[in-house]
Amino acid sequence: MPSNSQSSKSKKTASSPSKTAAKAKVTPKKTTAKKSGQSLKKKSTSTSSKGKISTVTGELKVGSRAPAFSLPNEKGQLVNLSELKGKKIVVFFYPKDDTPGCTKEACSFRDGLQAIRKNGAVVLGVSADSVASHQKFSQKFDFNFPLLSDESKAMIQAYGVWKEKSMYGRKYMGIERTTVLIAKNGTISHVFPKVKVDGHYEEVLKALG
C-alpha cells in the first residue's frame, strides 16, 4: 500500500538588531587636536585613534595591498579603487548615517577637506546605508566628498571592520568606526581602529603629511 506520510520543511528565520539613533540637530564645530602618547603593542605597525600602535585591524595589515572595491556613491555613481590610483585615499568607515557621532566625524572631514587635498588625498565615507540614505545625509550637511553605499558589506568585511559590538549588555554585529589610509601605490599606510571622533581629523591630517 502507498505511504501517506509526509515530510515537512522547516523554515528558518533570521533577525538582525536594529537601532535608532537621534539625529544631529546642528553642524558641529571643528575640534582641536589632543596630544596623544604612543604605547607599544606586540609586532606593532599601524596607528590607532589614540596614538597607540597595532598590527592588524581585522584582516587588514599595514603594508598590504588595499582590497579592491567598486561601490555606488550618494548619486548612484560607481566609485572604483582602480580609478583613484596615484592618489592618497582617506577611507572612513562609520556605523550609520545622520547619527550624532557619525555626523560629527563626517563634518570634520568636510570642514577640513581643503587641507587634506593639499596633501594630495581624497576622502571617502563608507557605511552599509543605502544610496537614498546617503543622498539625504549628504544633502542635509552639504558634504563635499563621496559617501559609498555598501549594503552587501563586501568592502566592510574585506577591510575587517564588521565586528561584534556591545550596547547595554546586548551583543550584535556592526561597523567598528575605523579609518584607513591608502598610499599612492595602493597599499595600506595607516589604520585607525576604534576611532574616537574628537581630534581624529587632526591625527589623520598629520598622518597624511
C-alpha atoms as a PDB file:
ATOM      1  CA  MET A   1       0.000   0.000   0.000  1.00  0.00           C
ATOM      2  CA  PRO A   2       1.306   3.529  -0.721  1.00  0.00           C
ATOM      3  CA  SER A   3       2.603   5.505   2.220  1.00  0.00           C
ATOM      4  CA  ASN A   4       0.617   8.545   3.377  1.00  0.00           C
ATOM      5  CA  SER A   5       3.479  10.058   5.410  1.00  0.00           C
ATOM      6  CA  GLN A   6       4.703  13.499   4.500  1.00  0.00           C
ATOM      7  CA  SER A   7       7.960  15.315   5.350  1.00  0.00           C
ATOM      8  CA  SER A   8       7.654  18.879   6.494  1.00  0.00           C
ATOM      9  CA  LYS A   9      10.073  21.579   5.620  1.00  0.00           C
ATOM     10  CA  SER A  10      11.403  23.766   8.360  1.00  0.00           C
ATOM     11  CA  LYS A  11      11.598  27.454   7.880  1.00  0.00           C
ATOM     12  CA  LYS A  12      14.485  29.425   9.196  1.00  0.00           C
ATOM     13  CA  THR A  13      14.003  32.938  10.231  1.00  0.00           C
ATOM     14  CA  ALA A  14      16.735  35.407  10.995  1.00  0.00           C
ATOM     15  CA  SER A  15      16.573  38.702  12.672  1.00  0.00           C
ATOM     16  CA  SER A  16      19.100  41.419  12.826  1.00  0.00           C
ATOM     17  CA  PRO A  17      19.344  44.019  15.534  1.00  0.00           C
ATOM     18  CA  SER A  18      18.047  47.411  14.718  1.00  0.00           C
ATOM     19  CA  LYS A  19      18.998  50.575  16.337  1.00  0.00           C
ATOM     20  CA  THR A  20      17.554  54.018  16.234  1.00  0.00           C
ATOM     21  CA  ALA A  21      19.773  56.983  16.833  1.00  0.00           C
ATOM     22  CA  ALA A  22      18.834  60.568  17.442  1.00  0.00           C
ATOM     23  CA  LYS A  23      19.595  62.837  14.519  1.00  0.00           C
ATOM     24  CA  ALA A  24      22.159  65.560  14.975  1.00  0.00           C
ATOM     25  CA  LYS A  25      20.486  68.930  15.036  1.00  0.00           C
ATOM     26  CA  VAL A  26      23.436  71.196  14.410  1.00  0.00           C
ATOM     27  CA  THR A  27      26.633  71.122  12.450  1.00  0.00           C
ATOM     28  CA  PRO A  28      29.425  70.514  14.957  1.00  0.00           C
ATOM     29  CA  LYS A  29      32.319  72.881  15.284  1.00  0.00           C
ATOM     30  CA  LYS A  30      35.806  71.733  14.411  1.00  0.00           C
ATOM     31  CA  THR A  31      37.601  70.151  17.317  1.00  0.00           C
ATOM     32  CA  THR A  32      41.148  70.808  18.354  1.00  0.00           C
ATOM     33  CA  ALA A  33      43.748  68.090  18.298  1.00  0.00           C
ATOM     34  CA  LYS A  34      44.584  66.335  21.541  1.00  0.00           C
ATOM     35  CA  LYS A  35      48.106  65.291  22.267  1.00  0.00           C
ATOM     36  CA  SER A  36      48.393  61.547  22.401  1.00  0.00           C
ATOM     37  CA  GLY A  37      51.286  59.428  23.548  1.00  0.00           C
ATOM     38  CA  GLN A  38      52.314  56.208  21.918  1.00  0.00           C
ATOM     39  CA  SER A  39      52.335  52.853  23.596  1.00  0.00           C
ATOM     40  CA  LEU A  40      53.812  49.751  22.026  1.00  0.00           C
ATOM     41  CA  LYS A  41      51.965  46.534  21.402  1.00  0.00           C
ATOM     42  CA  LYS A  42      53.424  43.310  20.090  1.00  0.00           C
ATOM     43  CA  LYS A  43      54.501  43.455  16.447  1.00  0.00           C
ATOM     44  CA  SER A  44      53.027  46.930  16.089  1.00  0.00           C
ATOM     45  CA  THR A  45      52.938  48.932  12.868  1.00  0.00           C
ATOM     46  CA  SER A  46      49.617  50.756  12.458  1.00  0.00           C
ATOM     47  CA  THR A  47      48.287  53.810  14.283  1.00  0.00           C
ATOM     48  CA  SER A  48      45.116  53.793  16.364  1.00  0.00           C
ATOM     49  CA  SER A  49      42.866  56.759  17.139  1.00  0.00           C
ATOM     50  CA  LYS A  50      44.631  57.395  20.458  1.00  0.00           C
ATOM     51  CA  GLY A  51      48.146  57.221  19.064  1.00  0.00           C
ATOM     52  CA  LYS A  52      48.513  53.588  20.110  1.00  0.00           C
ATOM     53  CA  ILE A  53      50.050  51.049  17.785  1.00  0.00           C
ATOM     54  CA  SER A  54      48.568  47.812  16.489  1.00  0.00           C
ATOM     55  CA  THR A  55      49.482  45.418  13.715  1.00  0.00           C
ATOM     56  CA  VAL A  56      46.081  44.357  12.441  1.00  0.00           C
ATOM     57  CA  THR A  57      42.538  45.640  12.402  1.00  0.00           C
ATOM     58  CA  GLY A  58      40.535  42.564  11.479  1.00  0.00           C
ATOM     59  CA  GLU A  59      42.310  41.034   8.498  1.00  0.00           C
ATOM     60  CA  LEU A  60      43.870  44.313   7.365  1.00  0.00           C
ATOM     61  CA  LYS A  61      47.633  44.862   7.694  1.00  0.00           C
ATOM     62  CA  VAL A  62      49.736  47.945   7.119  1.00  0.00           C
ATOM     63  CA  GLY A  63      51.846  47.463   4.004  1.00  0.00           C
ATOM     64  CA  SER A  64      49.389  45.047   2.398  1.00  0.00           C
ATOM     65  CA  ARG A  65      47.550  45.737  -0.845  1.00  0.00           C
ATOM     66  CA  ALA A  66      44.262  47.585  -0.252  1.00  0.00           C
ATOM     67  CA  PRO A  67      41.293  45.357  -1.149  1.00  0.00           C
ATOM     68  CA  ALA A  68      39.648  46.439  -4.400  1.00  0.00           C
ATOM     69  CA  PHE A  69      36.171  47.941  -4.276  1.00  0.00           C
ATOM     70  CA  SER A  70      33.507  49.257  -6.627  1.00  0.00           C
ATOM     71  CA  LEU A  71      30.556  50.857  -4.857  1.00  0.00           C
ATOM     72  CA  PRO A  72      27.867  53.439  -5.649  1.00  0.00           C
ATOM     73  CA  ASN A  73      28.121  56.874  -4.101  1.00  0.00           C
ATOM     74  CA  GLU A  74      25.233  59.036  -2.895  1.00  0.00           C
ATOM     75  CA  LYS A  75      24.420  59.856  -6.522  1.00  0.00           C
ATOM     76  CA  GLY A  76      24.356  56.223  -7.598  1.00  0.00           C
ATOM     77  CA  GLN A  77      27.644  56.579  -9.484  1.00  0.00           C
ATOM     78  CA  LEU A  78      30.213  53.786  -9.128  1.00  0.00           C
ATOM     79  CA  VAL A  79      33.484  54.621  -7.420  1.00  0.00           C
ATOM     80  CA  ASN A  80      36.344  52.195  -8.072  1.00  0.00           C
ATOM     81  CA  LEU A  81      39.636  51.925  -6.222  1.00  0.00           C
ATOM     82  CA  SER A  82      41.433  51.389  -9.542  1.00  0.00           C
ATOM     83  CA  GLU A  83      40.315  54.833 -10.755  1.00  0.00           C
ATOM     84  CA  LEU A  84      41.966  56.501  -7.750  1.00  0.00           C
ATOM     85  CA  LYS A  85      45.409  55.083  -8.467  1.00  0.00           C
ATOM     86  CA  GLY A  86      48.198  57.582  -7.769  1.00  0.00           C
ATOM     87  CA  LYS A  87      46.233  59.389  -5.041  1.00  0.00           C
ATOM     88  CA  LYS A  88      46.274  59.079  -1.283  1.00  0.00           C
ATOM     89  CA  ILE A  89      42.873  57.936  -0.034  1.00  0.00           C
ATOM     90  CA  VAL A  90      41.247  58.503   3.346  1.00  0.00           C
ATOM     91  CA  VAL A  91      38.522  55.899   3.848  1.00  0.00           C
ATOM     92  CA  PHE A  92      36.474  56.358   6.992  1.00  0.00           C
ATOM     93  CA  PHE A  93      34.050  53.585   7.893  1.00  0.00           C
ATOM     94  CA  TYR A  94      31.184  54.720  10.109  1.00  0.00           C
ATOM     95  CA  PRO A  95      28.163  52.900  11.608  1.00  0.00           C
ATOM     96  CA  LYS A  96      25.133  54.867  10.396  1.00  0.00           C
ATOM     97  CA  ASP A  97      24.022  57.970   8.516  1.00  0.00           C
ATOM     98  CA  ASP A  98      22.769  61.023  10.381  1.00  0.00           C
ATOM     99  CA  THR A  99      23.618  59.840  13.885  1.00  0.00           C
ATOM    100  CA  PRO A 100      25.443  62.189  16.281  1.00  0.00           C
ATOM    101  CA  GLY A 101      28.937  60.666  16.256  1.00  0.00           C
ATOM    102  CA  CYS A 102      28.920  59.856  12.548  1.00  0.00           C
ATOM    103  CA  THR A 103      27.659  63.331  11.682  1.00  0.00           C
ATOM    104  CA  LYS A 104      30.340  64.996  13.783  1.00  0.00           C
ATOM    105  CA  GLU A 105      33.071  62.878  12.182  1.00  0.00           C
ATOM    106  CA  ALA A 106      31.840  63.489   8.632  1.00  0.00           C
ATOM    107  CA  CYS A 107      31.516  67.230   9.248  1.00  0.00           C
ATOM    108  CA  SER A 108      35.112  67.396  10.495  1.00  0.00           C
ATOM    109  CA  PHE A 109      36.308  65.893   7.207  1.00  0.00           C
ATOM    110  CA  ARG A 110      34.020  68.252   5.290  1.00  0.00           C
ATOM    111  CA  ASP A 111      35.375  71.337   7.070  1.00  0.00           C
ATOM    112  CA  GLY A 112      38.985  70.226   6.702  1.00  0.00           C
ATOM    113  CA  LEU A 113      38.835  68.827   3.181  1.00  0.00           C
ATOM    114  CA  GLN A 114      40.916  71.619   1.650  1.00  0.00           C
ATOM    115  CA  ALA A 115      43.894  70.769   3.871  1.00  0.00           C
ATOM    116  CA  ILE A 116      43.512  67.083   3.026  1.00  0.00           C
ATOM    117  CA  ARG A 117      43.502  67.870  -0.691  1.00  0.00           C
ATOM    118  CA  LYS A 118      46.663  69.933  -0.272  1.00  0.00           C
ATOM    119  CA  ASN A 119      48.277  66.709   0.917  1.00  0.00           C
ATOM    120  CA  GLY A 120      47.234  65.001  -2.316  1.00  0.00           C
ATOM    121  CA  ALA A 121      44.449  62.942  -0.766  1.00  0.00           C
ATOM    122  CA  VAL A 122      40.752  62.308  -1.340  1.00  0.00           C
ATOM    123  CA  VAL A 123      38.134  61.339   1.242  1.00  0.00           C
ATOM    124  CA  LEU A 124      35.573  58.535   1.035  1.00  0.00           C
ATOM    125  CA  GLY A 125      32.964  57.759   3.672  1.00  0.00           C
ATOM    126  CA  VAL A 126      31.644  54.175   3.796  1.00  0.00           C
ATOM    127  CA  SER A 127      28.712  52.586   5.615  1.00  0.00           C
ATOM    128  CA  ALA A 128      26.081  49.925   4.965  1.00  0.00           C
ATOM    129  CA  ASP A 129      23.349  52.534   4.443  1.00  0.00           C
ATOM    130  CA  SER A 130      21.512  52.732   1.121  1.00  0.00           C
ATOM    131  CA  VAL A 131      22.237  55.184  -1.699  1.00  0.00           C
ATOM    132  CA  ALA A 132      18.999  57.028  -0.857  1.00  0.00           C
ATOM    133  CA  SER A 133      20.030  57.346   2.796  1.00  0.00           C
ATOM    134  CA  HIS A 134      23.461  58.640   1.776  1.00  0.00           C
ATOM    135  CA  GLN A 135      21.865  61.182  -0.543  1.00  0.00           C
ATOM    136  CA  LYS A 136      19.721  62.619   2.256  1.00  0.00           C
ATOM    137  CA  PHE A 137      22.644  62.656   4.676  1.00  0.00           C
ATOM    138  CA  SER A 138      24.953  64.343   2.163  1.00  0.00           C
ATOM    139  CA  GLN A 139      22.408  66.979   1.164  1.00  0.00           C
ATOM    140  CA  LYS A 140      21.484  67.767   4.759  1.00  0.00           C
ATOM    141  CA  PHE A 141      25.077  68.552   5.751  1.00  0.00           C
ATOM    142  CA  ASP A 142      26.420  69.631   2.352  1.00  0.00           C
ATOM    143  CA  PHE A 143      29.246  67.090   2.245  1.00  0.00           C
ATOM    144  CA  ASN A 144      31.959  67.721  -0.334  1.00  0.00           C
ATOM    145  CA  PHE A 145      33.183  64.129  -0.679  1.00  0.00           C
ATOM    146  CA  PRO A 146      31.517  60.846  -1.729  1.00  0.00           C
ATOM    147  CA  LEU A 147      29.633  58.546   0.628  1.00  0.00           C
ATOM    148  CA  LEU A 148      29.822  54.944  -0.595  1.00  0.00           C
ATOM    149  CA  SER A 149      26.937  52.551  -0.041  1.00  0.00           C
ATOM    150  CA  ASP A 150      27.998  49.006   0.893  1.00  0.00           C
ATOM    151  CA  GLU A 151      24.695  47.292   1.639  1.00  0.00           C
ATOM    152  CA  SER A 152      26.181  43.860   0.884  1.00  0.00           C
ATOM    153  CA  LYS A 153      29.017  44.645   3.343  1.00  0.00           C
ATOM    154  CA  ALA A 154      31.553  43.295   0.830  1.00  0.00           C
ATOM    155  CA  MET A 155      34.033  46.150   1.327  1.00  0.00           C
ATOM    156  CA  ILE A 156      33.222  46.484   5.020  1.00  0.00           C
ATOM    157  CA  GLN A 157      34.135  42.834   5.600  1.00  0.00           C
ATOM    158  CA  ALA A 158      37.151  42.934   3.271  1.00  0.00           C
ATOM    159  CA  TYR A 159      38.591  45.787   5.334  1.00  0.00           C
ATOM    160  CA  GLY A 160      37.892  43.942   8.585  1.00  0.00           C
ATOM    161  CA  VAL A 161      35.588  46.495  10.208  1.00  0.00           C
ATOM    162  CA  TRP A 162      32.482  44.296  10.618  1.00  0.00           C
ATOM    163  CA  LYS A 163      32.843  43.405  14.293  1.00  0.00           C
ATOM    164  CA  GLU A 164      30.921  42.150  17.280  1.00  0.00           C
ATOM    165  CA  LYS A 165      29.758  45.127  19.319  1.00  0.00           C
ATOM    166  CA  SER A 166      28.006  45.524  22.645  1.00  0.00           C
ATOM    167  CA  MET A 167      25.486  48.059  23.893  1.00  0.00           C
ATOM    168  CA  TYR A 168      23.722  47.916  27.258  1.00  0.00           C
ATOM    169  CA  GLY A 169      24.791  44.305  27.611  1.00  0.00           C
ATOM    170  CA  ARG A 170      23.416  43.296  24.209  1.00  0.00           C
ATOM    171  CA  LYS A 171      25.864  41.905  21.663  1.00  0.00           C
ATOM    172  CA  TYR A 172      25.381  42.385  17.935  1.00  0.00           C
ATOM    173  CA  MET A 173      27.362  42.733  14.706  1.00  0.00           C
ATOM    174  CA  GLY A 174      28.082  46.172  13.295  1.00  0.00           C
ATOM    175  CA  ILE A 175      30.656  48.522  11.793  1.00  0.00           C
ATOM    176  CA  GLU A 176      33.510  49.447  14.095  1.00  0.00           C
ATOM    177  CA  ARG A 177      34.366  53.095  13.463  1.00  0.00           C
ATOM    178  CA  THR A 178      37.669  52.834  11.585  1.00  0.00           C
ATOM    179  CA  THR A 179      39.720  54.997   9.248  1.00  0.00           C
ATOM    180  CA  VAL A 180      42.119  53.509   6.698  1.00  0.00           C
ATOM    181  CA  LEU A 181      44.712  55.488   4.748  1.00  0.00           C
ATOM    182  CA  ILE A 182      45.719  54.107   1.363  1.00  0.00           C
ATOM    183  CA  ALA A 183      49.037  55.228  -0.123  1.00  0.00           C
ATOM    184  CA  LYS A 184      49.582  56.304  -3.738  1.00  0.00           C
ATOM    185  CA  ASN A 185      50.897  52.824  -4.597  1.00  0.00           C
ATOM    186  CA  GLY A 186      47.673  51.192  -3.416  1.00  0.00           C
ATOM    187  CA  THR A 187      48.952  49.774  -0.129  1.00  0.00           C
ATOM    188  CA  ILE A 188      47.634  50.386   3.380  1.00  0.00           C
ATOM    189  CA  SER A 189      49.724  53.079   5.093  1.00  0.00           C
ATOM    190  CA  HIS A 190      47.762  53.650   8.307  1.00  0.00           C
ATOM    191  CA  VAL A 191      44.884  52.037  10.192  1.00  0.00           C
ATOM    192  CA  PHE A 192      42.964  53.891  12.905  1.00  0.00           C
ATOM    193  CA  PRO A 193      40.746  51.332  14.702  1.00  0.00           C
ATOM    194  CA  LYS A 194      38.053  52.156  17.271  1.00  0.00           C
ATOM    195  CA  VAL A 195      38.114  55.810  16.307  1.00  0.00           C
ATOM    196  CA  LYS A 196      37.234  58.464  18.855  1.00  0.00           C
ATOM    197  CA  VAL A 197      35.759  61.355  16.886  1.00  0.00           C
ATOM    198  CA  ASP A 198      37.255  64.240  18.880  1.00  0.00           C
ATOM    199  CA  GLY A 199      40.662  65.070  17.433  1.00  0.00           C
ATOM    200  CA  HIS A 200      40.503  62.339  14.784  1.00  0.00           C
ATOM    201  CA  TYR A 201      40.624  64.685  11.795  1.00  0.00           C
ATOM    202  CA  GLU A 202      43.823  66.253  13.105  1.00  0.00           C
ATOM    203  CA  GLU A 203      45.591  62.909  13.528  1.00  0.00           C
ATOM    204  CA  VAL A 204      44.561  61.847  10.019  1.00  0.00           C
ATOM    205  CA  LEU A 205      45.911  65.111   8.606  1.00  0.00           C
ATOM    206  CA  LYS A 206      49.163  64.566  10.477  1.00  0.00           C
ATOM    207  CA  ALA A 207      49.471  61.027   9.091  1.00  0.00           C
ATOM    208  CA  LEU A 208      48.972  62.308   5.541  1.00  0.00           C
ATOM    209  CA  GLY A 209      51.817  64.763   5.955  1.00  0.00           C
END
